[in-house]
């Protein structure tokens, strides 16, 4: 089998970015990210309260970068990924695109990488807006040399829900159903995690803690804060206590990184295998 041609993969990736940006849902998310990264800083800075200690001021950019990632950016990931393949079947363009002199692998890789590149840009946008808002409201920020690293870790962590949503979009070939299933995975993981934490606090049984540690939302949400906490001084520790939650409720960095990779490889492999096996319908009604 011939290897995928980079030029064709790039063409489909660029097409996917343009297609996704043309959707009003994605543009609405961009606007919501801008609000989420600026309004909270403004409210805290103008409320007249002193709930934030002075020693934390130089590190408040961390809260804006990390806090939305744990949940909101995962929904952004599924918004982009769940419709990447399914919307092509619904509109009937999948058959047209694959009628060109391209392989299915080139089409698949281009769609996956294009959508993931757009998600990475939105994660970067979230980080830059958070730093700008924190600087304008609370003065010069420190530790910004760690920002590129934590953004890369967030991009990698987001591959978990992106790949799962991409897989569901290919398997069910209905964008609305893929959105629902992907969102249900996030919500169910959050709810189950809450009950498991309560059960662990009440009983002290480590079985509940172990299950909670390896839930998808815990894996994706805990890796960036843990990475960043190891790089910043103790003055920022209060921020991480709020973001990470109770001690011992998260997996190690190595475990989280490996398991995110497992989700990525398994989900994308299943999607590619099904795409190569299944027929491409003229149009899904």
Protein backbone atom coordinates (compact mmCIF):
# COMPACT_ATOMS: atom_id res chain seq x y z
CA UNK A 1 0.00 0.00 0.00
CA UNK A 2 1.36 3.41 -0.99
CA UNK A 3 2.31 5.80 1.79
CA UNK A 4 0.07 8.87 2.30
CA UNK A 5 1.29 11.85 0.29
CA UNK A 6 1.98 14.85 2.57
CA UNK A 7 0.68 17.33 -0.01
CA UNK A 8 -2.72 15.59 -0.17
CA UNK A 9 -2.91 15.25 3.60
CA UNK A 10 -2.11 18.96 3.97
CA UNK A 11 -4.77 19.88 1.39
CA UNK A 12 -7.45 17.99 3.31
CA UNK A 13 -6.21 19.41 6.61
CA UNK A 14 -6.48 22.97 5.27
CA UNK A 15 -9.93 22.14 3.89
CA UNK A 16 -11.03 20.84 7.30
CA UNK A 17 -9.85 24.00 9.05
CA UNK A 18 -11.73 26.21 6.57
CA UNK A 19 -14.84 24.02 6.82
CA UNK A 20 -14.80 24.09 10.61
CA UNK A 21 -14.27 27.85 10.78
CA UNK A 22 -17.22 28.37 8.47
CA UNK A 23 -19.49 26.75 11.05
CA UNK A 24 -21.19 29.22 13.35
CA UNK A 25 -20.77 26.86 16.30
CA UNK A 26 -16.99 27.08 16.18
CA UNK A 27 -17.04 30.87 15.80
CA UNK A 28 -19.41 31.08 18.76
CA UNK A 29 -16.92 29.06 20.80
CA UNK A 30 -14.16 31.52 19.87
CA UNK A 31 -16.28 34.36 21.21
CA UNK A 32 -17.10 32.41 24.35
CA UNK A 33 -13.41 31.70 24.94
CA UNK A 34 -12.70 35.42 24.71
CA UNK A 35 -15.38 36.15 27.32
CA UNK A 36 -14.28 33.33 29.58
CA UNK A 37 -10.69 34.57 29.57
CA UNK A 38 -11.40 38.24 30.23
CA UNK A 39 -14.62 38.79 32.17
CA UNK A 40 -13.65 36.83 35.33
CA UNK A 41 -10.41 38.80 35.70
CA UNK A 42 -12.26 42.08 35.26
CA UNK A 43 -14.93 41.14 37.82
CA UNK A 44 -12.36 40.08 40.41
CA UNK A 45 -10.22 43.16 39.85
CA UNK A 46 -13.10 45.63 40.14
CA UNK A 47 -15.16 43.95 42.88
CA UNK A 48 -13.22 45.65 45.66
CA UNK A 49 -12.76 42.39 47.55
CA UNK A 50 -9.39 41.06 48.73
CA UNK A 51 -10.00 37.35 48.30
CA UNK A 52 -6.84 36.93 46.25
CA UNK A 53 -3.54 37.19 48.21
CA UNK A 54 -0.95 39.60 46.84
CA UNK A 55 1.67 36.89 46.44
CA UNK A 56 -0.60 35.10 43.96
CA UNK A 57 -1.05 38.11 41.65
CA UNK A 58 1.96 37.31 39.40
CA UNK A 59 0.61 33.81 38.73
CA UNK A 60 -3.07 34.47 38.10
CA UNK A 61 -2.56 33.75 34.40
CA UNK A 62 -2.31 30.08 35.44
CA UNK A 63 -5.96 30.00 36.52
CA UNK A 64 -7.15 31.32 33.15
CA UNK A 65 -5.00 28.87 31.23
CA UNK A 66 -5.79 25.75 33.26
CA UNK A 67 -9.27 26.12 34.77
CA UNK A 68 -11.28 26.22 31.48
CA UNK A 69 -9.30 23.32 30.09
CA UNK A 70 -10.60 20.77 32.59
CA UNK A 71 -14.12 20.86 31.12
CA UNK A 72 -14.90 23.65 28.65
CA UNK A 73 -12.04 22.96 26.22
CA UNK A 74 -13.01 19.30 26.15
CA UNK A 75 -16.43 20.31 24.83
CA UNK A 76 -14.67 22.45 22.22
CA UNK A 77 -12.68 19.36 21.23
CA UNK A 78 -15.80 17.25 20.66
CA UNK A 79 -17.56 20.12 18.87
CA UNK A 80 -14.78 20.12 16.29
CA UNK A 81 -14.16 16.37 16.12
CA UNK A 82 -17.63 14.84 16.29
CA UNK A 83 -18.79 16.45 13.05
CA UNK A 84 -15.54 16.17 11.11
CA UNK A 85 -16.49 12.93 9.36
CA UNK A 86 -20.22 12.65 10.04
CA UNK A 87 -21.08 16.00 8.46
CA UNK A 88 -19.38 14.91 5.22
CA UNK A 89 -21.72 11.92 5.05
CA UNK A 90 -24.77 14.02 5.91
CA UNK A 91 -24.04 16.57 3.19
CA UNK A 92 -23.02 13.95 0.63
CA UNK A 93 -19.57 15.48 0.09
CA UNK A 94 -17.64 12.42 1.32
CA UNK A 95 -18.31 10.51 -1.89
CA UNK A 96 -17.39 13.54 -4.00
CA UNK A 97 -14.10 14.13 -2.19
CA UNK A 98 -13.10 10.46 -2.31
CA UNK A 99 -13.82 10.36 -6.05
CA UNK A 100 -10.69 12.48 -6.46
CA UNK A 101 -7.30 10.78 -6.97
CA UNK A 102 -6.69 10.44 -3.24
CA UNK A 103 -6.53 7.51 -0.86
CA UNK A 104 -8.85 7.01 2.06
CA UNK A 105 -5.89 7.25 4.43
CA UNK A 106 -4.95 10.67 3.04
CA UNK A 107 -8.52 11.85 3.45
CA UNK A 108 -8.74 10.48 7.00
CA UNK A 109 -5.39 11.90 8.15
CA UNK A 110 -6.13 15.29 6.63
CA UNK A 111 -9.50 15.53 8.36
CA UNK A 112 -8.09 14.38 11.70
CA UNK A 113 -4.99 16.58 11.65
CA UNK A 114 -6.86 19.62 10.34
CA UNK A 115 -9.45 19.45 13.10
CA UNK A 116 -6.80 18.83 15.73
CA UNK A 117 -4.72 21.77 14.46
CA UNK A 118 -7.75 24.03 14.84
CA UNK A 119 -8.28 22.78 18.39
CA UNK A 120 -4.61 23.49 19.16
CA UNK A 121 -5.03 27.06 17.89
CA UNK A 122 -8.05 27.57 20.16
CA UNK A 123 -6.10 26.25 23.15
CA UNK A 124 -3.30 28.68 22.31
CA UNK A 125 -5.84 31.50 21.97
CA UNK A 126 -7.21 30.66 25.41
CA UNK A 127 -3.71 30.83 26.91
CA UNK A 128 -2.74 34.12 25.26
CA UNK A 129 -5.99 35.84 26.21
CA UNK A 130 -5.63 34.64 29.81
CA UNK A 131 -2.11 36.05 30.06
CA UNK A 132 -3.20 39.35 28.52
CA UNK A 133 -6.23 39.69 30.83
CA UNK A 134 -4.23 38.79 33.95
CA UNK A 135 -1.53 41.30 33.02
CA UNK A 136 -3.98 44.13 32.40
CA UNK A 137 -5.90 43.55 35.66
CA UNK A 138 -3.24 42.33 38.10
CA UNK A 139 0.02 43.63 36.69
CA UNK A 140 3.11 41.90 35.30
CA UNK A 141 2.91 38.12 35.32
CA UNK A 142 5.73 35.75 36.28
CA UNK A 143 6.66 32.27 35.11
CA UNK A 144 5.60 32.91 31.52
CA UNK A 145 8.59 30.96 30.25
CA UNK A 146 6.56 27.86 31.17
CA UNK A 147 3.60 28.86 29.00
CA UNK A 148 4.70 27.12 25.76
CA UNK A 149 5.21 23.86 27.63
CA UNK A 150 1.84 23.88 29.38
CA UNK A 151 0.09 24.74 26.11
CA UNK A 152 1.72 21.74 24.44
CA UNK A 153 0.66 19.52 27.35
CA UNK A 154 -2.91 20.81 27.05
CA UNK A 155 -2.90 20.10 23.32
CA UNK A 156 -1.69 16.56 23.96
CA UNK A 157 -4.24 15.99 26.75
CA UNK A 158 -7.08 17.23 24.56
CA UNK A 159 -6.31 14.41 22.11
CA UNK A 160 -8.22 12.04 24.41
CA UNK A 161 -11.69 13.49 23.88
CA UNK A 162 -10.89 14.70 20.36
CA UNK A 163 -9.98 11.20 19.17
CA UNK A 164 -12.95 9.59 20.92
CA UNK A 165 -15.38 12.12 19.43
CA UNK A 166 -13.76 11.72 16.00
CA UNK A 167 -14.19 7.94 16.28
CA UNK A 168 -17.86 8.25 17.30
CA UNK A 169 -18.50 10.61 14.40
CA UNK A 170 -17.16 8.01 11.99
CA UNK A 171 -18.94 5.06 13.62
CA UNK A 172 -22.43 6.56 13.91
CA UNK A 173 -22.16 8.93 10.92
CA UNK A 174 -24.71 11.29 12.48
CA UNK A 175 -23.29 14.57 13.76
CA UNK A 176 -26.02 15.20 16.34
CA UNK A 177 -25.75 11.66 17.73
CA UNK A 178 -21.95 11.90 17.83
CA UNK A 179 -22.19 15.19 19.76
CA UNK A 180 -24.64 13.67 22.23
CA UNK A 181 -22.58 10.53 22.83
CA UNK A 182 -19.33 12.45 23.20
CA UNK A 183 -20.88 15.01 25.55
CA UNK A 184 -22.50 12.22 27.55
CA UNK A 185 -19.07 10.67 28.06
CA UNK A 186 -17.75 13.90 29.57
CA UNK A 187 -20.81 14.54 31.74
CA UNK A 188 -21.03 10.92 32.92
CA UNK A 189 -17.32 10.88 33.74
CA UNK A 190 -17.69 14.07 35.78
CA UNK A 191 -20.76 12.83 37.68
CA UNK A 192 -19.30 9.40 38.36
CA UNK A 193 -16.08 11.05 39.51
CA UNK A 194 -18.00 13.18 42.01
CA UNK A 195 -19.79 10.18 43.49
CA UNK A 196 -16.56 8.20 43.65
CA UNK A 197 -14.85 11.05 45.51
CA UNK A 198 -17.71 11.18 48.01
CA UNK A 199 -17.61 7.41 48.46
CA UNK A 200 -13.86 7.52 49.06
CA UNK A 201 -14.17 10.31 51.62
CA UNK A 202 -16.91 8.43 53.49
CA UNK A 203 -15.39 4.95 53.44
CA UNK A 204 -11.67 5.45 52.87
CA UNK A 205 -11.80 2.55 50.39
CA UNK A 206 -9.00 3.08 47.85
CA UNK A 207 -11.00 1.14 45.24
CA UNK A 208 -13.19 4.21 44.70
CA UNK A 209 -10.16 6.48 44.45
CA UNK A 210 -8.50 4.20 41.91
CA UNK A 211 -11.53 4.20 39.63
CA UNK A 212 -11.79 7.99 39.91
CA UNK A 213 -8.14 8.43 38.97
CA UNK A 214 -8.56 6.64 35.66
CA UNK A 215 -11.76 8.29 34.46
CA UNK A 216 -11.30 10.10 31.10
CA UNK A 217 -12.00 13.56 32.54
CA UNK A 218 -9.49 12.99 35.34
CA UNK A 219 -6.78 11.86 32.93
CA UNK A 220 -7.26 14.73 30.48
CA UNK A 221 -7.82 17.42 33.12
CA UNK A 222 -5.07 16.56 35.59
CA UNK A 223 -2.02 16.35 33.35
CA UNK A 224 -1.57 20.09 32.53
CA UNK A 225 -1.93 21.31 36.17
CA UNK A 226 0.51 18.70 37.42
CA UNK A 227 3.03 19.62 34.76
CA UNK A 228 2.75 23.34 35.50
CA UNK A 229 2.78 22.95 39.29
CA UNK A 230 6.21 21.33 39.16
CA UNK A 231 7.63 24.38 37.36
CA UNK A 232 6.25 27.26 39.42
CA UNK A 233 7.27 28.36 42.96
CA UNK A 234 5.28 27.57 46.09
CA UNK A 235 3.67 31.05 45.99
CA UNK A 236 1.31 29.70 43.33
CA UNK A 237 0.38 26.57 45.30
CA UNK A 238 -3.05 27.88 46.35
CA UNK A 239 -4.10 28.16 42.72
CA UNK A 240 -3.18 24.55 42.08
CA UNK A 241 -5.03 23.36 45.18
CA UNK A 242 -8.20 24.80 43.68
CA UNK A 243 -7.55 23.42 40.19
CA UNK A 244 -6.33 19.94 41.11
CA UNK A 245 -8.71 19.33 43.99
CA UNK A 246 -7.98 17.01 46.93
CA UNK A 247 -4.51 15.53 47.11
CA UNK A 248 -4.19 11.98 45.89
CA UNK A 249 -7.21 12.25 43.59
CA UNK A 250 -5.23 12.36 40.39
CA UNK A 251 -2.95 9.94 38.52
CA UNK A 252 0.77 10.50 38.22
CA UNK A 253 2.02 12.53 35.26
CA UNK A 254 3.52 9.46 33.64
CA UNK A 255 0.36 7.38 34.04
CA UNK A 256 -1.87 10.16 32.71
CA UNK A 257 0.41 10.76 29.71
CA UNK A 258 0.52 7.07 28.81
CA UNK A 259 -3.22 6.54 29.15
CA UNK A 260 -4.06 9.64 27.10
CA UNK A 261 -1.82 8.15 24.41
CA UNK A 262 -3.66 4.83 24.68
CA UNK A 263 -7.02 6.54 24.18
CA UNK A 264 -5.62 8.43 21.17
CA UNK A 265 -4.13 5.38 19.47
CA UNK A 266 -7.09 3.06 20.11
CA UNK A 267 -9.81 5.54 19.14
CA UNK A 268 -8.10 6.78 15.99
CA UNK A 269 -7.19 3.22 14.94
CA UNK A 270 -10.79 2.05 15.34
CA UNK A 271 -12.03 5.04 13.34
CA UNK A 272 -9.52 4.44 10.53
CA UNK A 273 -10.23 0.71 10.39
CA UNK A 274 -13.99 1.29 10.18
CA UNK A 275 -13.54 4.03 7.57
CA UNK A 276 -11.45 1.74 5.36
CA UNK A 277 -13.92 -1.14 5.79
CA UNK A 278 -17.30 0.59 5.47
CA UNK A 279 -18.96 1.87 2.32
CA UNK A 280 -19.18 5.60 1.76
CA UNK A 281 -22.86 6.38 1.41
CA UNK A 282 -23.97 8.91 -1.18
CA UNK A 283 -25.79 10.83 1.50
CA UNK A 284 -26.94 10.10 5.03
CA UNK A 285 -30.44 11.45 5.65
